[in-house]
Amino acid sequence: MRVSCWTAITLSASSSPSLSDTRIASAPAARSLIANAFVVLPGGFGTLDELFEALVLIQTHKIRSFPVVMVGTAHWDGLIDWMRERLAGEAMISPRDLDLLRCTDDPDEVVAIVESGAERQGR
């Protein structure tokens, strides 16, 4: 059996991310429960599955809201445009649902978004 493990980095109030703060979770829901943020790098179907699962769980309030950061604007812009034009444009999602996502190429911005999300969560 093949198990996909992702790393969820948690932040404490007085520290930056480190290996001592890292937890491994193999189930998507478990990752969502321990994560301060999802940082999504360019990928294929598995990445899209994880991305949309996290968005649905946040959208439906099954888990607490946390930042979802997509890294690589060249990779993600087409998908974001499609979500805006087709999903939001045809009222399949609320235009506000697109606010669940942030997309950037700047590593410092990723860190700032994750730290801000952790602070809002009291972590």
PDB file of N, CA and C in Angstrom:
ATOM      1  N   MET A   1       0.837  -1.161   0.000  1.00  0.00           N
ATOM      2  CA  MET A   1       0.000   0.000   0.000  1.00  0.00           C
ATOM      3  C   MET A   1       0.892   1.237   0.000  1.00  0.00           C
ATOM      4  N   ARG A   2       0.476   2.243  -0.753  1.00  0.00           N
ATOM      5  CA  ARG A   2       1.223   3.492  -0.825  1.00  0.00           C
ATOM      6  C   ARG A   2       0.472   4.565  -0.042  1.00  0.00           C
ATOM      7  N   VAL A   3       1.157   5.206   0.866  1.00  0.00           N
ATOM      8  CA  VAL A   3       0.564   6.262   1.676  1.00  0.00           C
ATOM      9  C   VAL A   3       1.262   7.569   1.335  1.00  0.00           C
ATOM     10  N   SER A   4       0.468   8.557   1.005  1.00  0.00           N
ATOM     11  CA  SER A   4       1.012   9.880   0.714  1.00  0.00           C
ATOM     12  C   SER A   4       1.096  10.673   2.005  1.00  0.00           C
ATOM     13  N   CYS A   5       2.266  11.087   2.375  1.00  0.00           N
ATOM     14  CA  CYS A   5       2.447  11.890   3.595  1.00  0.00           C
ATOM     15  C   CYS A   5       2.846  13.296   3.216  1.00  0.00           C
ATOM     16  N   TRP A   6       2.177  14.246   3.782  1.00  0.00           N
ATOM     17  CA  TRP A   6       2.504  15.649   3.592  1.00  0.00           C
ATOM     18  C   TRP A   6       2.977  16.187   4.918  1.00  0.00           C
ATOM     19  N   THR A   7       3.743  17.229   4.870  1.00  0.00           N
ATOM     20  CA  THR A   7       4.224  17.865   6.084  1.00  0.00           C
ATOM     21  C   THR A   7       3.379  19.087   6.373  1.00  0.00           C
ATOM     22  N   ALA A   8       2.881  19.156   7.568  1.00  0.00           N
ATOM     23  CA  ALA A   8       2.170  20.352   8.020  1.00  0.00           C
ATOM     24  C   ALA A   8       3.080  21.069   8.993  1.00  0.00           C
ATOM     25  N   ILE A   9       3.394  22.307   8.697  1.00  0.00           N
ATOM     26  CA  ILE A   9       4.272  23.070   9.565  1.00  0.00           C
ATOM     27  C   ILE A   9       3.414  23.946  10.458  1.00  0.00           C
ATOM     28  N   THR A  10       3.605  23.774  11.738  1.00  0.00           N
ATOM     29  CA  THR A  10       2.852  24.583  12.695  1.00  0.00           C
ATOM     30  C   THR A  10       3.788  25.627  13.283  1.00  0.00           C
ATOM     31  N   LEU A  11       3.226  26.752  13.642  1.00  0.00           N
ATOM     32  CA  LEU A  11       4.026  27.830  14.195  1.00  0.00           C
ATOM     33  C   LEU A  11       3.610  28.072  15.630  1.00  0.00           C
ATOM     34  N   SER A  12       4.582  28.222  16.481  1.00  0.00           N
ATOM     35  CA  SER A  12       4.268  28.652  17.842  1.00  0.00           C
ATOM     36  C   SER A  12       4.364  30.169  17.877  1.00  0.00           C
ATOM     37  N   ALA A  13       3.803  30.763  18.889  1.00  0.00           N
ATOM     38  CA  ALA A  13       3.767  32.217  18.966  1.00  0.00           C
ATOM     39  C   ALA A  13       5.159  32.833  19.032  1.00  0.00           C
ATOM     40  N   SER A  14       6.129  32.097  19.546  1.00  0.00           N
ATOM     41  CA  SER A  14       7.444  32.692  19.757  1.00  0.00           C
ATOM     42  C   SER A  14       8.523  32.127  18.841  1.00  0.00           C
ATOM     43  N   SER A  15       8.126  31.394  17.820  1.00  0.00           N
ATOM     44  CA  SER A  15       9.167  30.807  16.976  1.00  0.00           C
ATOM     45  C   SER A  15       8.764  30.837  15.521  1.00  0.00           C
ATOM     46  N   SER A  16       9.754  30.624  14.691  1.00  0.00           N
ATOM     47  CA  SER A  16       9.498  30.463  13.272  1.00  0.00           C
ATOM     48  C   SER A  16       9.448  28.968  12.983  1.00  0.00           C
ATOM     49  N   PRO A  17       9.003  28.574  11.766  1.00  0.00           N
ATOM     50  CA  PRO A  17       8.918  27.145  11.475  1.00  0.00           C
ATOM     51  C   PRO A  17      10.266  26.454  11.624  1.00  0.00           C
ATOM     52  N   SER A  18      10.244  25.271  12.162  1.00  0.00           N
ATOM     53  CA  SER A  18      11.462  24.481  12.271  1.00  0.00           C
ATOM     54  C   SER A  18      11.086  23.019  12.207  1.00  0.00           C
ATOM     55  N   LEU A  19      12.083  22.174  12.086  1.00  0.00           N
ATOM     56  CA  LEU A  19      11.798  20.741  12.029  1.00  0.00           C
ATOM     57  C   LEU A  19      11.140  20.254  13.312  1.00  0.00           C
ATOM     58  N   SER A  20      11.431  20.899  14.425  1.00  0.00           N
ATOM     59  CA  SER A  20      10.817  20.459  15.676  1.00  0.00           C
ATOM     60  C   SER A  20       9.324  20.768  15.701  1.00  0.00           C
ATOM     61  N   ASP A  21       8.857  21.659  14.818  1.00  0.00           N
ATOM     62  CA  ASP A  21       7.444  22.010  14.749  1.00  0.00           C
ATOM     63  C   ASP A  21       6.693  21.183  13.709  1.00  0.00           C
ATOM     64  N   THR A  22       7.369  20.258  13.052  1.00  0.00           N
ATOM     65  CA  THR A  22       6.789  19.538  11.928  1.00  0.00           C
ATOM     66  C   THR A  22       6.077  18.270  12.379  1.00  0.00           C
ATOM     67  N   ARG A  23       4.895  18.062  11.810  1.00  0.00           N
ATOM     68  CA  ARG A  23       4.136  16.841  12.058  1.00  0.00           C
ATOM     69  C   ARG A  23       3.797  16.212  10.713  1.00  0.00           C
ATOM     70  N   ILE A  24       3.772  14.898  10.655  1.00  0.00           N
ATOM     71  CA  ILE A  24       3.410  14.198   9.430  1.00  0.00           C
ATOM     72  C   ILE A  24       1.988  13.681   9.585  1.00  0.00           C
ATOM     73  N   ALA A  25       1.168  13.938   8.586  1.00  0.00           N
ATOM     74  CA  ALA A  25      -0.208  13.449   8.594  1.00  0.00           C
ATOM     75  C   ALA A  25      -0.475  12.791   7.252  1.00  0.00           C
ATOM     76  N   SER A  26      -1.068  11.602   7.272  1.00  0.00           N
ATOM     77  CA  SER A  26      -1.285  10.881   6.024  1.00  0.00           C
ATOM     78  C   SER A  26      -2.687  11.049   5.475  1.00  0.00           C
ATOM     79  N   ALA A  27      -3.653  11.444   6.255  1.00  0.00           N
ATOM     80  CA  ALA A  27      -5.019  11.609   5.771  1.00  0.00           C
ATOM     81  C   ALA A  27      -5.299  13.090   5.539  1.00  0.00           C
ATOM     82  N   PRO A  28      -5.973  13.423   4.444  1.00  0.00           N
ATOM     83  CA  PRO A  28      -6.238  14.835   4.160  1.00  0.00           C
ATOM     84  C   PRO A  28      -6.942  15.556   5.297  1.00  0.00           C
ATOM     85  N   ALA A  29      -7.925  14.963   5.898  1.00  0.00           N
ATOM     86  CA  ALA A  29      -8.642  15.628   6.985  1.00  0.00           C
ATOM     87  C   ALA A  29      -7.708  15.871   8.172  1.00  0.00           C
ATOM     88  N   ALA A  30      -6.820  14.920   8.446  1.00  0.00           N
ATOM     89  CA  ALA A  30      -5.872  15.091   9.551  1.00  0.00           C
ATOM     90  C   ALA A  30      -4.928  16.250   9.269  1.00  0.00           C
ATOM     91  N   ARG A  31      -4.482  16.368   8.027  1.00  0.00           N
ATOM     92  CA  ARG A  31      -3.619  17.500   7.668  1.00  0.00           C
ATOM     93  C   ARG A  31      -4.357  18.806   7.896  1.00  0.00           C
ATOM     94  N   SER A  32      -5.623  18.830   7.538  1.00  0.00           N
ATOM     95  CA  SER A  32      -6.415  20.051   7.691  1.00  0.00           C
ATOM     96  C   SER A  32      -6.593  20.427   9.156  1.00  0.00           C
ATOM     97  N   LEU A  33      -6.651  19.448  10.028  1.00  0.00           N
ATOM     98  CA  LEU A  33      -6.867  19.724  11.445  1.00  0.00           C
ATOM     99  C   LEU A  33      -5.637  20.294  12.128  1.00  0.00           C
ATOM    100  N   ILE A  34      -4.445  19.935  11.664  1.00  0.00           N
ATOM    101  CA  ILE A  34      -3.232  20.385  12.337  1.00  0.00           C
ATOM    102  C   ILE A  34      -2.527  21.529  11.618  1.00  0.00           C
ATOM    103  N   ALA A  35      -2.985  21.878  10.434  1.00  0.00           N
ATOM    104  CA  ALA A  35      -2.279  22.883   9.637  1.00  0.00           C
ATOM    105  C   ALA A  35      -2.650  24.298  10.045  1.00  0.00           C
ATOM    106  N   ASN A  36      -1.680  25.188   9.979  1.00  0.00           N
ATOM    107  CA  ASN A  36      -1.927  26.625  10.097  1.00  0.00           C
ATOM    108  C   ASN A  36      -2.212  27.217   8.728  1.00  0.00           C
ATOM    109  N   ALA A  37      -1.739  26.550   7.692  1.00  0.00           N
ATOM    110  CA  ALA A  37      -1.912  27.021   6.321  1.00  0.00           C
ATOM    111  C   ALA A  37      -1.618  25.862   5.380  1.00  0.00           C
ATOM    112  N   PHE A  38      -2.116  25.965   4.167  1.00  0.00           N
ATOM    113  CA  PHE A  38      -1.716  25.056   3.103  1.00  0.00           C
ATOM    114  C   PHE A  38      -0.915  25.872   2.111  1.00  0.00           C
ATOM    115  N   VAL A  39       0.291  25.440   1.845  1.00  0.00           N
ATOM    116  CA  VAL A  39       1.121  26.056   0.822  1.00  0.00           C
ATOM    117  C   VAL A  39       1.184  25.039  -0.304  1.00  0.00           C
ATOM    118  N   VAL A  40       0.639  25.427  -1.453  1.00  0.00           N
ATOM    119  CA  VAL A  40       0.461  24.503  -2.567  1.00  0.00           C
ATOM    120  C   VAL A  40       1.452  24.854  -3.671  1.00  0.00           C
ATOM    121  N   LEU A  41       2.324  23.906  -3.978  1.00  0.00           N
ATOM    122  CA  LEU A  41       3.306  24.082  -5.041  1.00  0.00           C
ATOM    123  C   LEU A  41       2.741  23.493  -6.331  1.00  0.00           C
ATOM    124  N   PRO A  42       3.280  23.888  -7.487  1.00  0.00           N
ATOM    125  CA  PRO A  42       2.786  23.335  -8.743  1.00  0.00           C
ATOM    126  C   PRO A  42       2.800  21.807  -8.727  1.00  0.00           C
ATOM    127  N   GLY A  43       1.731  21.245  -9.234  1.00  0.00           N
ATOM    128  CA  GLY A  43       1.617  19.784  -9.259  1.00  0.00           C
ATOM    129  C   GLY A  43       0.493  19.346 -10.167  1.00  0.00           C
ATOM    130  N   GLY A  44       0.181  18.067 -10.077  1.00  0.00           N
ATOM    131  CA  GLY A  44      -0.815  17.471 -10.955  1.00  0.00           C
ATOM    132  C   GLY A  44      -2.110  17.159 -10.244  1.00  0.00           C
ATOM    133  N   PHE A  45      -2.715  16.039 -10.626  1.00  0.00           N
ATOM    134  CA  PHE A  45      -4.035  15.664 -10.116  1.00  0.00           C
ATOM    135  C   PHE A  45      -4.071  15.508  -8.597  1.00  0.00           C
ATOM    136  N   GLY A  46      -3.039  14.908  -8.024  1.00  0.00           N
ATOM    137  CA  GLY A  46      -3.008  14.732  -6.574  1.00  0.00           C
ATOM    138  C   GLY A  46      -2.981  16.066  -5.853  1.00  0.00           C
ATOM    139  N   THR A  47      -2.214  17.004  -6.386  1.00  0.00           N
ATOM    140  CA  THR A  47      -2.146  18.341  -5.810  1.00  0.00           C
ATOM    141  C   THR A  47      -3.498  19.034  -5.912  1.00  0.00           C
ATOM    142  N   LEU A  48      -4.145  18.913  -7.074  1.00  0.00           N
ATOM    143  CA  LEU A  48      -5.470  19.515  -7.251  1.00  0.00           C
ATOM    144  C   LEU A  48      -6.485  18.894  -6.299  1.00  0.00           C
ATOM    145  N   ASP A  49      -6.404  17.595  -6.110  1.00  0.00           N
ATOM    146  CA  ASP A  49      -7.307  16.912  -5.178  1.00  0.00           C
ATOM    147  C   ASP A  49      -7.153  17.477  -3.773  1.00  0.00           C
ATOM    148  N   GLU A  50      -5.926  17.598  -3.314  1.00  0.00           N
ATOM    149  CA  GLU A  50      -5.661  18.135  -1.978  1.00  0.00           C
ATOM    150  C   GLU A  50      -6.114  19.584  -1.874  1.00  0.00           C
ATOM    151  N   LEU A  51      -5.824  20.366  -2.901  1.00  0.00           N
ATOM    152  CA  LEU A  51      -6.207  21.776  -2.907  1.00  0.00           C
ATOM    153  C   LEU A  51      -7.716  21.927  -2.792  1.00  0.00           C
ATOM    154  N   PHE A  52      -8.449  21.245  -3.648  1.00  0.00           N
ATOM    155  CA  PHE A  52      -9.903  21.399  -3.640  1.00  0.00           C
ATOM    156  C   PHE A  52     -10.537  20.795  -2.398  1.00  0.00           C
ATOM    157  N   GLU A  53      -9.960  19.730  -1.870  1.00  0.00           N
ATOM    158  CA  GLU A  53     -10.492  19.182  -0.626  1.00  0.00           C
ATOM    159  C   GLU A  53     -10.365  20.188   0.512  1.00  0.00           C
ATOM    160  N   ALA A  54      -9.210  20.818   0.613  1.00  0.00           N
ATOM    161  CA  ALA A  54      -9.023  21.827   1.658  1.00  0.00           C
ATOM    162  C   ALA A  54      -9.997  22.982   1.469  1.00  0.00           C
ATOM    163  N   LEU A  55     -10.155  23.445   0.227  1.00  0.00           N
ATOM    164  CA  LEU A  55     -11.070  24.557  -0.037  1.00  0.00           C
ATOM    165  C   LEU A  55     -12.515  24.204   0.306  1.00  0.00           C
ATOM    166  N   VAL A  56     -12.938  22.996  -0.037  1.00  0.00           N
ATOM    167  CA  VAL A  56     -14.311  22.579   0.277  1.00  0.00           C
ATOM    168  C   VAL A  56     -14.512  22.498   1.783  1.00  0.00           C
ATOM    169  N   LEU A  57     -13.554  21.945   2.511  1.00  0.00           N
ATOM    170  CA  LEU A  57     -13.683  21.835   3.967  1.00  0.00           C
ATOM    171  C   LEU A  57     -13.742  23.216   4.629  1.00  0.00           C
ATOM    172  N   ILE A  58     -12.965  24.159   4.114  1.00  0.00           N
ATOM    173  CA  ILE A  58     -13.013  25.526   4.644  1.00  0.00           C
ATOM    174  C   ILE A  58     -14.331  26.193   4.244  1.00  0.00           C
ATOM    175  N   GLN A  59     -14.701  26.072   2.983  1.00  0.00           N
ATOM    176  CA  GLN A  59     -15.911  26.703   2.454  1.00  0.00           C
ATOM    177  C   GLN A  59     -17.167  26.244   3.195  1.00  0.00           C
ATOM    178  N   THR A  60     -17.215  24.973   3.536  1.00  0.00           N
ATOM    179  CA  THR A  60     -18.402  24.411   4.194  1.00  0.00           C
ATOM    180  C   THR A  60     -18.288  24.439   5.716  1.00  0.00           C
ATOM    181  N   HIS A  61     -17.247  25.083   6.227  1.00  0.00           N
ATOM    182  CA  HIS A  61     -17.025  25.247   7.670  1.00  0.00           C
ATOM    183  C   HIS A  61     -16.883  23.911   8.403  1.00  0.00           C
ATOM    184  N   LYS A  62     -16.348  22.909   7.711  1.00  0.00           N
ATOM    185  CA  LYS A  62     -16.063  21.613   8.352  1.00  0.00           C
ATOM    186  C   LYS A  62     -14.761  21.679   9.138  1.00  0.00           C
ATOM    187  N   ILE A  63     -13.892  22.606   8.741  1.00  0.00           N
ATOM    188  CA  ILE A  63     -12.647  22.869   9.461  1.00  0.00           C
ATOM    189  C   ILE A  63     -12.510  24.385   9.589  1.00  0.00           C
ATOM    190  N   ARG A  64     -11.642  24.818  10.491  1.00  0.00           N
ATOM    191  CA  ARG A  64     -11.438  26.250  10.650  1.00  0.00           C
ATOM    192  C   ARG A  64     -10.763  26.815   9.401  1.00  0.00           C
ATOM    193  N   SER A  65     -10.992  28.061   9.174  1.00  0.00           N
ATOM    194  CA  SER A  65     -10.406  28.717   8.014  1.00  0.00           C
ATOM    195  C   SER A  65      -8.926  28.981   8.256  1.00  0.00           C
ATOM    196  N   PHE A  66      -8.108  28.694   7.274  1.00  0.00           N
ATOM    197  CA  PHE A  66      -6.686  29.018   7.316  1.00  0.00           C
ATOM    198  C   PHE A  66      -6.243  29.374   5.911  1.00  0.00           C
ATOM    199  N   PRO A  67      -5.113  30.057   5.780  1.00  0.00           N
ATOM    200  CA  PRO A  67      -4.665  30.484   4.451  1.00  0.00           C
ATOM    201  C   PRO A  67      -4.331  29.297   3.545  1.00  0.00           C
ATOM    202  N   VAL A  68      -4.720  29.442   2.289  1.00  0.00           N
ATOM    203  CA  VAL A  68      -4.330  28.513   1.237  1.00  0.00           C
ATOM    204  C   VAL A  68      -3.523  29.338   0.243  1.00  0.00           C
ATOM    205  N   VAL A  69      -2.231  29.053   0.186  1.00  0.00           N
ATOM    206  CA  VAL A  69      -1.309  29.840  -0.626  1.00  0.00           C
ATOM    207  C   VAL A  69      -0.817  28.978  -1.781  1.00  0.00           C
ATOM    208  N   MET A  70      -1.078  29.446  -2.983  1.00  0.00           N
ATOM    209  CA  MET A  70      -0.622  28.757  -4.188  1.00  0.00           C
ATOM    210  C   MET A  70       0.651  29.455  -4.653  1.00  0.00           C
ATOM    211  N   VAL A  71       1.731  28.698  -4.761  1.00  0.00           N
ATOM    212  CA  VAL A  71       3.030  29.252  -5.141  1.00  0.00           C
ATOM    213  C   VAL A  71       3.276  28.960  -6.617  1.00  0.00           C
ATOM    214  N   GLY A  72       3.530  30.021  -7.377  1.00  0.00           N
ATOM    215  CA  GLY A  72       3.810  29.856  -8.802  1.00  0.00           C
ATOM    216  C   GLY A  72       2.699  30.421  -9.665  1.00  0.00           C
ATOM    217  N   THR A  73       2.674  31.722  -9.835  1.00  0.00           N
ATOM    218  CA  THR A  73       1.575  32.348 -10.568  1.00  0.00           C
ATOM    219  C   THR A  73       1.457  31.831 -12.003  1.00  0.00           C
ATOM    220  N   ALA A  74       2.566  31.564 -12.654  1.00  0.00           N
ATOM    221  CA  ALA A  74       2.503  31.061 -14.033  1.00  0.00           C
ATOM    222  C   ALA A  74       1.782  29.719 -14.092  1.00  0.00           C
ATOM    223  N   HIS A  75       1.945  28.901 -13.063  1.00  0.00           N
ATOM    224  CA  HIS A  75       1.302  27.590 -13.024  1.00  0.00           C
ATOM    225  C   HIS A  75      -0.184  27.709 -12.687  1.00  0.00           C
ATOM    226  N   TRP A  76      -0.537  28.572 -11.743  1.00  0.00           N
ATOM    227  CA  TRP A  76      -1.898  28.600 -11.193  1.00  0.00           C
ATOM    228  C   TRP A  76      -2.827  29.619 -11.823  1.00  0.00           C
ATOM    229  N   ASP A  77      -2.319  30.619 -12.517  1.00  0.00           N
ATOM    230  CA  ASP A  77      -3.180  31.693 -13.027  1.00  0.00           C
ATOM    231  C   ASP A  77      -4.331  31.192 -13.901  1.00  0.00           C
ATOM    232  N   GLY A  78      -4.077  30.233 -14.755  1.00  0.00           N
ATOM    233  CA  GLY A  78      -5.138  29.699 -15.618  1.00  0.00           C
ATOM    234  C   GLY A  78      -6.266  29.068 -14.813  1.00  0.00           C
ATOM    235  N   LEU A  79      -5.906  28.330 -13.771  1.00  0.00           N
ATOM    236  CA  LEU A  79      -6.916  27.700 -12.913  1.00  0.00           C
ATOM    237  C   LEU A  79      -7.713  28.761 -12.160  1.00  0.00           C
ATOM    238  N   ILE A  80      -7.029  29.766 -11.637  1.00  0.00           N
ATOM    239  CA  ILE A  80      -7.711  30.829 -10.902  1.00  0.00           C
ATOM    240  C   ILE A  80      -8.643  31.600 -11.836  1.00  0.00           C
ATOM    241  N   ASP A  81      -8.173  31.892 -13.054  1.00  0.00           N
ATOM    242  CA  ASP A  81      -9.032  32.562 -14.034  1.00  0.00           C
ATOM    243  C   ASP A  81     -10.274  31.721 -14.328  1.00  0.00           C
ATOM    244  N   TRP A  82     -10.085  30.417 -14.501  1.00  0.00           N
ATOM    245  CA  TRP A  82     -11.217  29.517 -14.763  1.00  0.00           C
ATOM    246  C   TRP A  82     -12.193  29.519 -13.584  1.00  0.00           C
ATOM    247  N   MET A  83     -11.681  29.473 -12.369  1.00  0.00           N
ATOM    248  CA  MET A  83     -12.567  29.497 -11.197  1.00  0.00           C
ATOM    249  C   MET A  83     -13.344  30.812 -11.146  1.00  0.00           C
ATOM    250  N   ARG A  84     -12.680  31.917 -11.462  1.00  0.00           N
ATOM    251  CA  ARG A  84     -13.339  33.220 -11.435  1.00  0.00           C
ATOM    252  C   ARG A  84     -14.401  33.304 -12.541  1.00  0.00           C
ATOM    253  N   GLU A  85     -14.010  32.946 -13.770  1.00  0.00           N
ATOM    254  CA  GLU A  85     -14.895  33.107 -14.921  1.00  0.00           C
ATOM    255  C   GLU A  85     -16.023  32.083 -14.946  1.00  0.00           C
ATOM    256  N   ARG A  86     -15.692  30.827 -14.694  1.00  0.00           N
ATOM    257  CA  ARG A  86     -16.701  29.767 -14.823  1.00  0.00           C
ATOM    258  C   ARG A  86     -17.437  29.503 -13.517  1.00  0.00           C
ATOM    259  N   LEU A  87     -16.706  29.231 -12.460  1.00  0.00           N
ATOM    260  CA  LEU A  87     -17.356  28.852 -11.207  1.00  0.00           C
ATOM    261  C   LEU A  87     -18.066  30.041 -10.572  1.00  0.00           C
ATOM    262  N   ALA A  88     -17.333  31.121 -10.352  1.00  0.00           N
ATOM    263  CA  ALA A  88     -17.968  32.300  -9.751  1.00  0.00           C
ATOM    264  C   ALA A  88     -18.879  32.989 -10.766  1.00  0.00           C
ATOM    265  N   GLY A  89     -18.435  33.073 -12.009  1.00  0.00           N
ATOM    266  CA  GLY A  89     -19.220  33.734 -13.049  1.00  0.00           C
ATOM    267  C   GLY A  89     -20.555  33.073 -13.311  1.00  0.00           C
ATOM    268  N   GLU A  90     -20.634  31.766 -13.107  1.00  0.00           N
ATOM    269  CA  GLU A  90     -21.881  31.023 -13.311  1.00  0.00           C
ATOM    270  C   GLU A  90     -22.552  30.686 -11.983  1.00  0.00           C
ATOM    271  N   ALA A  91     -22.147  31.367 -10.923  1.00  0.00           N
ATOM    272  CA  ALA A  91     -22.738  31.232  -9.579  1.00  0.00           C
ATOM    273  C   ALA A  91     -22.662  29.806  -9.024  1.00  0.00           C
ATOM    274  N   MET A  92     -21.611  29.083  -9.382  1.00  0.00           N
ATOM    275  CA  MET A  92     -21.382  27.758  -8.807  1.00  0.00           C
ATOM    276  C   MET A  92     -20.656  27.858  -7.472  1.00  0.00           C
ATOM    277  N   ILE A  93     -19.933  28.958  -7.299  1.00  0.00           N
ATOM    278  CA  ILE A  93     -19.334  29.324  -6.021  1.00  0.00           C
ATOM    279  C   ILE A  93     -19.588  30.816  -5.837  1.00  0.00           C
ATOM    280  N   SER A  94     -19.475  31.257  -4.623  1.00  0.00           N
ATOM    281  CA  SER A  94     -19.573  32.689  -4.352  1.00  0.00           C
ATOM    282  C   SER A  94     -18.271  33.354  -4.781  1.00  0.00           C
ATOM    283  N   PRO A  95     -18.340  34.546  -5.344  1.00  0.00           N
ATOM    284  CA  PRO A  95     -17.086  35.246  -5.655  1.00  0.00           C
ATOM    285  C   PRO A  95     -16.189  35.396  -4.418  1.00  0.00           C
ATOM    286  N   ARG A  96     -16.795  35.458  -3.226  1.00  0.00           N
ATOM    287  CA  ARG A  96     -16.010  35.545  -1.983  1.00  0.00           C
ATOM    288  C   ARG A  96     -15.195  34.279  -1.742  1.00  0.00           C
ATOM    289  N   ASP A  97     -15.642  33.146  -2.281  1.00  0.00           N
ATOM    290  CA  ASP A  97     -14.882  31.907  -2.093  1.00  0.00           C
ATOM    291  C   ASP A  97     -13.484  32.008  -2.684  1.00  0.00           C
ATOM    292  N   LEU A  98     -13.321  32.835  -3.691  1.00  0.00           N
ATOM    293  CA  LEU A  98     -11.991  33.023  -4.282  1.00  0.00           C
ATOM    294  C   LEU A  98     -11.046  33.719  -3.313  1.00  0.00           C
ATOM    295  N   ASP A  99     -11.611  34.394  -2.304  1.00  0.00           N
ATOM    296  CA  ASP A  99     -10.777  35.030  -1.279  1.00  0.00           C
ATOM    297  C   ASP A  99     -10.100  34.013  -0.375  1.00  0.00           C
ATOM    298  N   LEU A 100     -10.515  32.746  -0.460  1.00  0.00           N
ATOM    299  CA  LEU A 100      -9.865  31.697   0.322  1.00  0.00           C
ATOM    300  C   LEU A 100      -8.449  31.437  -0.194  1.00  0.00           C
ATOM    301  N   LEU A 101      -8.169  31.849  -1.416  1.00  0.00           N
ATOM    302  CA  LEU A 101      -6.893  31.575  -2.074  1.00  0.00           C
ATOM    303  C   LEU A 101      -6.021  32.819  -2.145  1.00  0.00           C
ATOM    304  N   ARG A 102      -4.732  32.587  -2.047  1.00  0.00           N
ATOM    305  CA  ARG A 102      -3.733  33.618  -2.352  1.00  0.00           C
ATOM    306  C   ARG A 102      -2.735  32.957  -3.297  1.00  0.00           C
ATOM    307  N   CYS A 103      -2.256  33.701  -4.268  1.00  0.00           N
ATOM    308  CA  CYS A 103      -1.279  33.171  -5.216  1.00  0.00           C
ATOM    309  C   CYS A 103      -0.111  34.143  -5.295  1.00  0.00           C
ATOM    310  N   THR A 104       1.094  33.619  -5.203  1.00  0.00           N
ATOM    311  CA  THR A 104       2.286  34.466  -5.194  1.00  0.00           C
ATOM    312  C   THR A 104       3.499  33.696  -5.708  1.00  0.00           C
ATOM    313  N   ASP A 105       4.508  34.471  -6.082  1.00  0.00           N
ATOM    314  CA  ASP A 105       5.821  33.912  -6.427  1.00  0.00           C
ATOM    315  C   ASP A 105       6.867  34.294  -5.388  1.00  0.00           C
ATOM    316  N   ASP A 106       6.467  35.091  -4.409  1.00  0.00           N
ATOM    317  CA  ASP A 106       7.391  35.679  -3.441  1.00  0.00           C
ATOM    318  C   ASP A 106       7.455  34.850  -2.158  1.00  0.00           C
ATOM    319  N   PRO A 107       8.593  34.202  -1.894  1.00  0.00           N
ATOM    320  CA  PRO A 107       8.714  33.383  -0.679  1.00  0.00           C
ATOM    321  C   PRO A 107       8.459  34.170   0.606  1.00  0.00           C
ATOM    322  N   ASP A 108       8.871  35.425   0.647  1.00  0.00           N
ATOM    323  CA  ASP A 108       8.632  36.237   1.837  1.00  0.00           C
ATOM    324  C   ASP A 108       7.138  36.464   2.056  1.00  0.00           C
ATOM    325  N   GLU A 109       6.391  36.632   0.968  1.00  0.00           N
ATOM    326  CA  GLU A 109       4.947  36.796   1.081  1.00  0.00           C
ATOM    327  C   GLU A 109       4.291  35.513   1.593  1.00  0.00           C
ATOM    328  N   VAL A 110       4.792  34.366   1.127  1.00  0.00           N
ATOM    329  CA  VAL A 110       4.264  33.080   1.618  1.00  0.00           C
ATOM    330  C   VAL A 110       4.437  33.009   3.131  1.00  0.00           C
ATOM    331  N   VAL A 111       5.640  33.314   3.606  1.00  0.00           N
ATOM    332  CA  VAL A 111       5.913  33.267   5.043  1.00  0.00           C
ATOM    333  C   VAL A 111       5.012  34.243   5.790  1.00  0.00           C
ATOM    334  N   ALA A 112       4.861  35.449   5.269  1.00  0.00           N
ATOM    335  CA  ALA A 112       4.018  36.449   5.929  1.00  0.00           C
ATOM    336  C   ALA A 112       2.563  35.983   6.006  1.00  0.00           C
ATOM    337  N   ILE A 113       2.056  35.370   4.946  1.00  0.00           N
ATOM    338  CA  ILE A 113       0.675  34.874   4.929  1.00  0.00           C
ATOM    339  C   ILE A 113       0.506  33.755   5.946  1.00  0.00           C
ATOM    340  N   VAL A 114       1.460  32.833   5.994  1.00  0.00           N
ATOM    341  CA  VAL A 114       1.394  31.712   6.943  1.00  0.00           C
ATOM    342  C   VAL A 114       1.472  32.233   8.374  1.00  0.00           C
ATOM    343  N   GLU A 115       2.403  33.149   8.629  1.00  0.00           N
ATOM    344  CA  GLU A 115       2.526  33.691   9.986  1.00  0.00           C
ATOM    345  C   GLU A 115       1.272  34.457  10.391  1.00  0.00           C
ATOM    346  N   SER A 116       0.697  35.229   9.484  1.00  0.00           N
ATOM    347  CA  SER A 116      -0.530  35.967   9.771  1.00  0.00           C
ATOM    348  C   SER A 116      -1.685  35.002  10.069  1.00  0.00           C
ATOM    349  N   GLY A 117      -1.772  33.926   9.292  1.00  0.00           N
ATOM    350  CA  GLY A 117      -2.811  32.920   9.541  1.00  0.00           C
ATOM    351  C   GLY A 117      -2.644  32.257  10.891  1.00  0.00           C
ATOM    352  N   ALA A 118      -1.407  31.955  11.259  1.00  0.00           N
ATOM    353  CA  ALA A 118      -1.132  31.326  12.552  1.00  0.00           C
ATOM    354  C   ALA A 118      -1.497  32.283  13.682  1.00  0.00           C
ATOM    355  N   GLU A 119      -1.186  33.558  13.505  1.00  0.00           N
ATOM    356  CA  GLU A 119      -1.502  34.555  14.526  1.00  0.00           C
ATOM    357  C   GLU A 119      -3.029  34.676  14.706  1.00  0.00           C
ATOM    358  N   ARG A 120      -3.767  34.698  13.591  1.00  0.00           N
ATOM    359  CA  ARG A 120      -5.230  34.787  13.681  1.00  0.00           C
ATOM    360  C   ARG A 120      -5.822  33.571  14.392  1.00  0.00           C
ATOM    361  N   GLN A 121      -5.127  32.437  14.290  1.00  0.00           N
ATOM    362  CA  GLN A 121      -5.609  31.203  14.914  1.00  0.00           C
ATOM    363  C   GLN A 121      -5.115  31.061  16.349  1.00  0.00           C
ATOM    364  N   GLY A 122      -4.326  32.033  16.812  1.00  0.00           N
ATOM    365  CA  GLY A 122      -3.806  31.977  18.169  1.00  0.00           C
ATOM    366  C   GLY A 122      -2.719  30.951  18.330  1.00  0.00           C
ATOM    367  N   ARG A 123      -1.985  30.678  17.282  1.00  0.00           N
ATOM    368  CA  ARG A 123      -0.909  29.676  17.344  1.00  0.00           C
ATOM    369  C   ARG A 123       0.441  30.313  17.281  1.00  0.00           C
TER     370      ARG A 123
END
